[in-house]
Amino acid sequence: MRAANAALTLGLDEAGRGPILGPMVLAVVALKPAAAAALSRAGVADSKRFAGPDAHNARSALVPLILRHADHVGVRIVDVEEIDAAVAVQGLNRLEQAVGDELISHAPYARRIVCDGERLFSPLMDRYPQLEAHDRGESVHVAVAAASIVAKVRRDECYARTWQRYANLLALDPHVPRGGGYLNPATRSFLRGIVEQTRAIPPEGRRSWPWDFVADLLR
C-alpha cells in the first residue's frame, strides 16, 4: 500500500475557525502529480481567492472536479458543542490538531503531507515525519488549495441551512445568506433578530464566543 501511494501528496485545511455561528470544517485531499497539475490548470486555488457574489458557485463548481481527480477526500464537520467544549478546557488549536490527526490517519499513506498553518499543525510532525506545516499552505501545494475549497463549500452549505432555518422568522430572503456567521454587521443583525424573536442564543451559536451585542436582549 505504501509503495503504491508513494506519489501521493495529502493536503489539509480548515474553514470556519473564526465564526460565532455554525460548525468548523476540516478537509484532506490526496493527489498524485498528474491530478495536481490538472487541478492547477482548472483554477483550483486558495478558497479565499474567490470573491464576490459568485464566489460560492465558483468554488462549488470545482468540487466535482476535485472529487474526480483525487485519490482520497476526507471531511470532518466539527459541531458547535464540540467547539465550545474544547475551548473550555484545552483550546481550539488542540481540537483542530486532533481532528487533523484523525483525518490523516484515515487517509491513504502519502509521501508528503502539507498542512495550512505553521504553528497550528507543526505539533503533528511528531506523529508524521513527512508532514510540513506552512502558513499559506495553499500556495505550497494544490492539494491544500483543494482541501480549502472542499472545506469552505461544506462550511458555507452548513451556514446556508442555518440562514434558511430562521429566514422566514425574520422576513429575510432564504436564498441569500449574509455574513457567513462571522462577527460582522450582517451576522450581528441576523443574530439580534433571532434573539429578539426567541429570547435565547440559537443552538447553532458558539457560546464560547462573545455575545455582548445581544446582552440587552437576554436579561
Protein backbone atom coordinates (compact mmCIF):
# COMPACT_ATOMS: atom_id res chain seq x y z
CA MET A 1 0.00 0.00 0.00
CA ARG A 2 2.78 2.43 0.90
CA ALA A 3 4.67 1.74 -2.31
CA ALA A 4 1.50 2.13 -4.39
CA ASN A 5 0.78 5.51 -2.83
CA ALA A 6 4.34 6.81 -2.76
CA ALA A 7 3.49 9.56 -5.25
CA LEU A 8 0.60 10.96 -3.20
CA THR A 9 0.61 14.35 -1.53
CA LEU A 10 -2.03 14.91 1.14
CA GLY A 11 -3.26 18.45 1.78
CA LEU A 12 -5.09 19.57 4.95
CA ASP A 13 -7.01 22.79 5.56
CA GLU A 14 -9.97 24.14 7.52
CA ALA A 15 -12.84 26.57 7.11
CA GLY A 16 -14.88 28.25 9.81
CA ARG A 17 -12.43 28.57 12.68
CA GLY A 18 -13.49 32.14 13.50
CA PRO A 19 -17.29 32.41 13.11
CA ILE A 20 -19.62 32.78 16.07
CA LEU A 21 -22.30 30.82 14.24
CA GLY A 22 -22.11 27.31 12.83
CA PRO A 23 -19.57 24.49 12.67
CA MET A 24 -15.96 24.35 11.63
CA VAL A 25 -14.97 22.03 8.79
CA LEU A 26 -11.62 20.36 8.13
CA ALA A 27 -10.78 18.51 4.92
CA VAL A 28 -7.96 16.49 3.41
CA VAL A 29 -7.33 15.83 -0.29
CA ALA A 30 -4.77 13.34 -1.64
CA LEU A 31 -3.39 13.93 -5.13
CA LYS A 32 -0.92 12.30 -7.47
CA PRO A 33 1.26 14.68 -9.55
CA ALA A 34 -0.85 14.43 -12.72
CA ALA A 35 -4.03 15.14 -10.77
CA ALA A 36 -2.38 18.07 -9.01
CA ALA A 37 -1.34 19.54 -12.35
CA ALA A 38 -4.85 19.09 -13.79
CA LEU A 39 -6.48 20.83 -10.82
CA SER A 40 -4.00 23.70 -11.00
CA ARG A 41 -4.83 24.20 -14.67
CA ALA A 42 -8.55 24.12 -13.83
CA GLY A 43 -8.15 27.03 -11.41
CA VAL A 44 -8.09 25.29 -8.03
CA ALA A 45 -6.57 27.79 -5.61
CA ASP A 46 -6.95 29.06 -2.08
CA SER A 47 -10.67 29.34 -1.34
CA LYS A 48 -10.10 32.91 -0.08
CA ARG A 49 -9.08 33.98 -3.59
CA PHE A 50 -12.68 33.56 -4.74
CA ALA A 51 -14.57 36.76 -4.00
CA GLY A 52 -17.82 38.48 -4.82
CA PRO A 53 -21.42 37.26 -5.09
CA ASP A 54 -20.48 34.31 -7.31
CA ALA A 55 -17.66 33.03 -5.07
CA HIS A 56 -19.64 30.14 -3.59
CA ASN A 57 -20.83 28.98 -7.01
CA ALA A 58 -17.29 29.19 -8.41
CA ARG A 59 -15.89 27.13 -5.54
CA SER A 60 -18.78 24.66 -5.70
CA ALA A 61 -18.20 24.08 -9.40
CA LEU A 62 -14.66 22.88 -8.63
CA VAL A 63 -15.69 20.30 -6.02
CA PRO A 64 -16.83 17.60 -8.53
CA LEU A 65 -13.54 18.08 -10.37
CA ILE A 66 -11.57 17.65 -7.14
CA LEU A 67 -13.55 14.51 -6.27
CA ARG A 68 -12.90 13.09 -9.73
CA HIS A 69 -9.14 13.66 -9.67
CA ALA A 70 -8.34 12.95 -6.02
CA ASP A 71 -7.28 9.55 -4.71
CA HIS A 72 -8.92 10.42 -1.41
CA VAL A 73 -11.08 13.19 0.05
CA GLY A 74 -11.94 13.29 3.74
CA VAL A 75 -14.17 15.80 5.51
CA ARG A 76 -14.93 16.30 9.18
CA ILE A 77 -17.62 18.69 10.43
CA VAL A 78 -16.88 19.90 13.96
CA ASP A 79 -20.15 21.00 15.54
CA VAL A 80 -20.60 23.92 17.92
CA GLU A 81 -20.96 21.74 21.02
CA GLU A 82 -17.57 20.13 20.34
CA ILE A 83 -16.01 23.54 19.70
CA ASP A 84 -17.41 25.02 22.92
CA ALA A 85 -16.32 22.02 24.98
CA ALA A 86 -12.78 22.19 23.58
CA VAL A 87 -12.45 25.94 24.09
CA ALA A 88 -13.49 25.49 27.73
CA VAL A 89 -10.74 23.00 28.57
CA GLN A 90 -7.91 22.95 26.04
CA GLY A 91 -8.45 25.49 23.31
CA LEU A 92 -9.34 25.39 19.66
CA ASN A 93 -5.81 24.57 18.48
CA ARG A 94 -5.79 21.23 20.29
CA LEU A 95 -9.15 20.35 18.81
CA GLU A 96 -8.01 21.19 15.28
CA GLN A 97 -4.85 19.16 15.77
CA ALA A 98 -6.87 16.17 16.99
CA VAL A 99 -9.28 16.37 14.05
CA GLY A 100 -6.38 16.82 11.63
CA ASP A 101 -4.70 13.75 13.08
CA GLU A 102 -7.95 11.83 12.67
CA LEU A 103 -8.30 12.82 9.02
CA ILE A 104 -4.66 12.00 8.23
CA SER A 105 -4.86 8.62 9.95
CA HIS A 106 -7.91 7.65 7.86
CA ALA A 107 -6.30 8.76 4.59
CA PRO A 108 -4.04 6.55 2.43
CA TYR A 109 -0.33 6.79 3.09
CA ALA A 110 1.19 9.84 1.41
CA ARG A 111 4.87 10.52 0.93
CA ARG A 112 4.18 14.20 1.69
CA ILE A 113 1.59 15.81 3.96
CA VAL A 114 1.13 19.58 3.66
CA CYS A 115 -0.98 21.44 6.23
CA ASP A 116 -2.11 25.05 6.27
CA GLY A 117 -0.95 26.71 9.50
CA GLU A 118 2.65 26.50 10.69
CA ARG A 119 2.07 26.93 14.43
CA LEU A 120 -1.24 25.11 14.37
CA PHE A 121 -0.22 21.85 12.73
CA SER A 122 3.54 21.60 13.35
CA PRO A 123 2.91 19.53 16.54
CA LEU A 124 1.68 16.72 14.25
CA MET A 125 5.19 16.37 12.83
CA ASP A 126 5.99 14.14 15.82
CA ARG A 127 3.48 11.59 14.51
CA TYR A 128 4.03 12.10 10.80
CA PRO A 129 7.68 12.75 9.85
CA GLN A 130 6.67 13.55 6.24
CA LEU A 131 4.36 16.35 7.43
CA GLU A 132 5.02 20.01 6.61
CA ALA A 133 3.09 22.86 8.24
CA HIS A 134 3.12 26.15 6.35
CA ASP A 135 1.35 29.46 6.63
CA ARG A 136 -0.49 29.96 3.33
CA GLY A 137 -0.11 26.25 2.66
CA GLU A 138 -2.42 26.59 -0.35
CA SER A 139 0.48 28.20 -2.20
CA VAL A 140 2.79 25.30 -1.34
CA HIS A 141 0.73 22.55 -2.96
CA VAL A 142 -2.59 22.43 -4.80
CA ALA A 143 -3.74 19.56 -2.54
CA VAL A 144 -4.06 22.12 0.27
CA ALA A 145 -5.94 24.51 -2.01
CA ALA A 146 -8.29 21.68 -2.97
CA ALA A 147 -8.84 20.85 0.71
CA SER A 148 -9.56 24.51 1.42
CA ILE A 149 -12.23 24.58 -1.29
CA VAL A 150 -13.87 21.35 -0.12
CA ALA A 151 -13.92 22.58 3.48
CA LYS A 152 -15.19 26.05 2.57
CA VAL A 153 -18.01 24.77 0.35
CA ARG A 154 -19.21 22.38 3.04
CA ARG A 155 -18.98 25.10 5.69
CA ASP A 156 -20.96 27.52 3.50
CA GLU A 157 -23.61 24.85 2.91
CA CYS A 158 -23.98 24.42 6.66
CA TYR A 159 -24.34 28.16 7.14
CA ALA A 160 -26.90 28.43 4.33
CA ARG A 161 -29.05 25.83 6.10
CA THR A 162 -28.86 27.86 9.33
CA TRP A 163 -29.82 31.03 7.46
CA GLN A 164 -32.77 29.27 5.82
CA ARG A 165 -33.94 27.93 9.18
CA TYR A 166 -34.50 31.46 10.51
CA ALA A 167 -35.16 33.42 7.31
CA ASN A 168 -38.94 33.20 7.43
CA LEU A 169 -38.98 34.14 11.11
CA LEU A 170 -37.05 37.30 10.29
CA ALA A 171 -38.62 38.06 6.88
CA LEU A 172 -35.28 37.55 5.09
CA ASP A 173 -34.55 36.14 1.66
CA PRO A 174 -33.81 32.45 2.37
CA HIS A 175 -31.69 32.17 -0.77
CA VAL A 176 -29.24 34.99 0.03
CA PRO A 177 -27.28 34.19 3.20
CA ARG A 178 -25.41 37.16 4.65
CA GLY A 179 -22.47 37.49 6.99
CA GLY A 180 -21.16 33.94 6.82
CA GLY A 181 -21.55 33.60 10.59
CA TYR A 182 -18.53 35.84 11.25
CA LEU A 183 -18.80 38.70 13.72
CA ASN A 184 -19.58 41.36 11.16
CA PRO A 185 -22.59 43.72 10.95
CA ALA A 186 -24.66 41.29 8.84
CA THR A 187 -24.21 38.39 11.26
CA ARG A 188 -24.80 40.60 14.29
CA SER A 189 -28.05 41.86 12.76
CA PHE A 190 -29.09 38.30 11.92
CA LEU A 191 -28.39 37.09 15.45
CA ARG A 192 -30.05 40.05 17.11
CA GLY A 193 -33.14 39.30 15.08
CA ILE A 194 -33.12 35.66 16.20
CA VAL A 195 -32.59 36.58 19.86
CA GLU A 196 -35.29 39.25 19.70
CA GLN A 197 -37.74 36.62 18.50
CA THR A 198 -36.64 33.68 20.68
CA ARG A 199 -35.01 35.37 23.71
CA ALA A 200 -32.22 32.79 23.53
CA ILE A 201 -28.91 32.15 21.81
CA PRO A 202 -29.67 29.82 18.89
CA PRO A 203 -28.33 26.26 19.14
CA GLU A 204 -26.09 26.96 16.14
CA GLY A 205 -24.29 29.71 18.10
CA ARG A 206 -20.93 29.14 19.75
CA ARG A 207 -21.46 30.06 23.37
CA SER A 208 -17.70 30.29 23.94
CA TRP A 209 -17.67 33.39 21.66
CA PRO A 210 -18.62 36.88 22.99
CA TRP A 211 -22.35 37.65 22.89
CA ASP A 212 -22.20 41.15 24.35
CA PHE A 213 -24.01 42.57 21.30
CA VAL A 214 -27.23 40.78 22.39
CA ALA A 215 -26.73 41.03 26.16
CA ASP A 216 -29.56 43.58 26.46
CA LEU A 217 -31.98 41.07 24.91
CA LEU A 218 -31.04 38.20 27.22
CA ARG A 219 -31.68 39.91 30.55
